[in-house]
Amino acid sequence: MPTSIGVHRLADYGFALVDNLRAAKVSAIDDVAADPRLGSDIAASNHLARQIGAFLRAPLVKDGRLVTVLSVHHQEPRRWTAMDVSLVEEVAERTWEAIERVRAAEALHDSEERLRFALTAANAGAWEWDLTTDLNVWSDELWKLYGLEPNSCEPSHNAWPETVHPDDRIAASRAEREAVAKGGEIALEWRTCERGGAQRWLMTRGGPMNHPDGPSVRYGGDVIDITESKKSEEKINYLAHHDTLTGLPNRAAFNERLSAARAEADETRTPVAVLCLDLDRFKEVNDVFGHVIGDELLLQASQRFRTGAGGAYIARVGGDEFAAVVSGKSRLIRASDLAERLHWAVASPFDIEDKQIRIGVSVGVALYPDHGDMEAVLANADAGLYRAKAEGGGKTCVFDSGPDSRLRERHALMQDLKYALERDEFLLHYQPQAGADGAIFGFEALLRWRHPCLGLVPPNAFIPIAEESGLITAIGEWALREACREAAAWPRPLTVAVNLSPKQFLKDGLPQIVHSALLGTGLASHRLELEITESVLIHDFSRVSAILRQLKALGVKVAMDDFGTGYSSLSYAHSFPFDKIKIDASFVRSLHENPNSETIIKAIIGLGGGLGVPLIAEGVETKEQQEFLRSIGCFEAQGFLIGRPHPIDVYAAVVGRSTSGWLTLEPKEAICA
């Protein structure tokens, strides 16, 4: 029988057998004193001193590396048999398995502790759902998020809906069932229903847990509290879509209401009337009595309009400009009735600071679909308003295509636009973007149309027509390829940003078009940034999100443009990993005029910081604006202060080209160009 057995360090043995052990072979020594492999080794005398006459040594090897050695010692010399060697090898193997199990258990415990700590620190809960038994496992933090005492009920999946607000319960349960039925990921947001009426917003993300023997039978995921994010979203939405002076919806909100009214009209075949209003003699009041009284007049007039409008939707869309929407049958009669009530609303004088001020209102009316698409209807209602003003004000004019030339001009412009691409009439201007140090790191490519008769047509005159007609798809592809071709030729590896239209996402193959443009021009993918607005995401978020992920897989960057002007900007920023957020120029330009712009910008910067997404401010025109933005954490800027949009030749020195033979302006000079 062996006199001792154990696991020892390699250093306990002589070096004569080290190579044998490292080769994962068992070493058998029958006689320590006589074996020539140990005779000249110091280890032999060590073994004799420890009264070891014979031994077996089995290496424990991990990933080809000798970790330690299992030794069996005998006091007297003896001949080891093959069975002895086999037995030691088996003991060594089982010993190593036991060591691995202990290590795995310790690693699992450490991992669980780290996960528990991370979830607690992040105020997040974890869940696991067994689809076969419908039983759940909830972490301690998840019970708290659900507003329940730990283990106060069995955490089955039937118990979860009871914690969901009744208004969200059906939609949340349906979305979850549909995701599981498809074997896909679960992504939900809902309000809780807690004792005492308290509510909080929660968001969960989860998916199937891989099963080695077949389809997944378990789901797992986490839940986080997004209440504060929702409050910020509501605040941003309100400030971005309401006029700060009057509290009425603003132009952005009105445009969204128009889109909704059009969709409803198309579905139900219910006509819509649009009214454009303008206060008569308001400019005179402002000029004579000043802006303070002018603002008070706007406030009181808005209050009267709100009362007179009844249930109709009315918004302030400009200085003294308002707009309203009327839906339903007999819409012209109803629109006329509304216009009459609005006339009466401002007929009596306004008492402001001991002054009696009399004004009136002029109204233009157009009908959808009688007077064209919704964009045309809005323009035609405006045309009716102009006629009402021209005829002395204080009256209502319904759009009449006879005396109005705007519709004909628009139609002619659309016809010319159809052939502009094949006639090579489009070009790109480039506006520089600068970083914290003031250095230009890239350009945004901006589309321009050089009409053979009209010259440069303003983008806001032809791009909406291109969008409406569908021509923007081909034009957008041209702009993408041209921007990539130009940027690839720059000696300096600056970035180039290109805008994508929502219409480009409706046709299949957008990732392939971008890939083709990169390959065809040789532009490195990381130098291309694609800009989208939230309107791209509104109609089919899942499909568009998949396309955006394909684009990011190419190595290009994706930026959200005009951030803060849409109702859902915050939720989309949460749901998709944008590489950059662009603060809309309207907030920057109104910094000194609208105190809420500062609040909105700070909220957006805080959101970007929380999500770890860089920001760039558009519309930076003054040093004061730039310094304010830097002081609150937005260091990248784009606007006239950095440089106006120009043909790239103007920025030849910036992109690293020789200026010989080029008309070149440095960025500061470009401000005055």
Foldseek 3Di string as FASTA:
>chain_A
DFPDKDWDAPVLAWPLCVVVQLVQHKDWFQALCPDPSNPVTPRSVVCVVVQFGIKIKGFQDDPSGTDTIIMTTHNHGHDDDPVNRVVVNVVSVVVNVVVVVVVVVVVVVVVVVVVLVVCVVQLKKKKKAQQVVQFMDIDCSVCVVLQHHPPPDGRGPVVVLQQFDPVCSVVQVVQVVVCVVVQHKRWDWTWTQYPPRDIFIKIKIKGFDDDPPDRGRMMMTMMHTCRVVVVLLVVLLQLLQADPLARAGEPLVVVVVLVVQQVVCVVVVKKKKKKKKAKACLVVCCVPVHVVVSSVVLNQLSVLLVVLQVPWRKGHYDSRMIMTMDIGPPNVVVVVSSLVSSQVSQQAFDQDPNDTHHMGMEMFMEMPPVQHPSVRRVVQRVVQRVVCVVVPHRYYGYGDVPVDCPVVVLVVLLVQVVCQVVVVQKDWWWFFKAFQVLATQATETDIWGQRPPPGIDDCVSPVVSCVVVVVCQVVLLVSLLVQQQVCLPFPANGAYEGEDDLSNLVDPDPLVSNVCSCVVRVRQQQRYEYEYECVSCPPPVVSVLVVVVSSVVSVHFYEYECASNDSCNSVVVVVHPHQEYEHHLVLLVCVVPDVCSLVSLLSVQVSCVVSVHAYEYEADQDPVSQVSCVVSPHGMYTHLCQADTGHCLQVCVSSPHDVVPTNYDHRNRRSVD
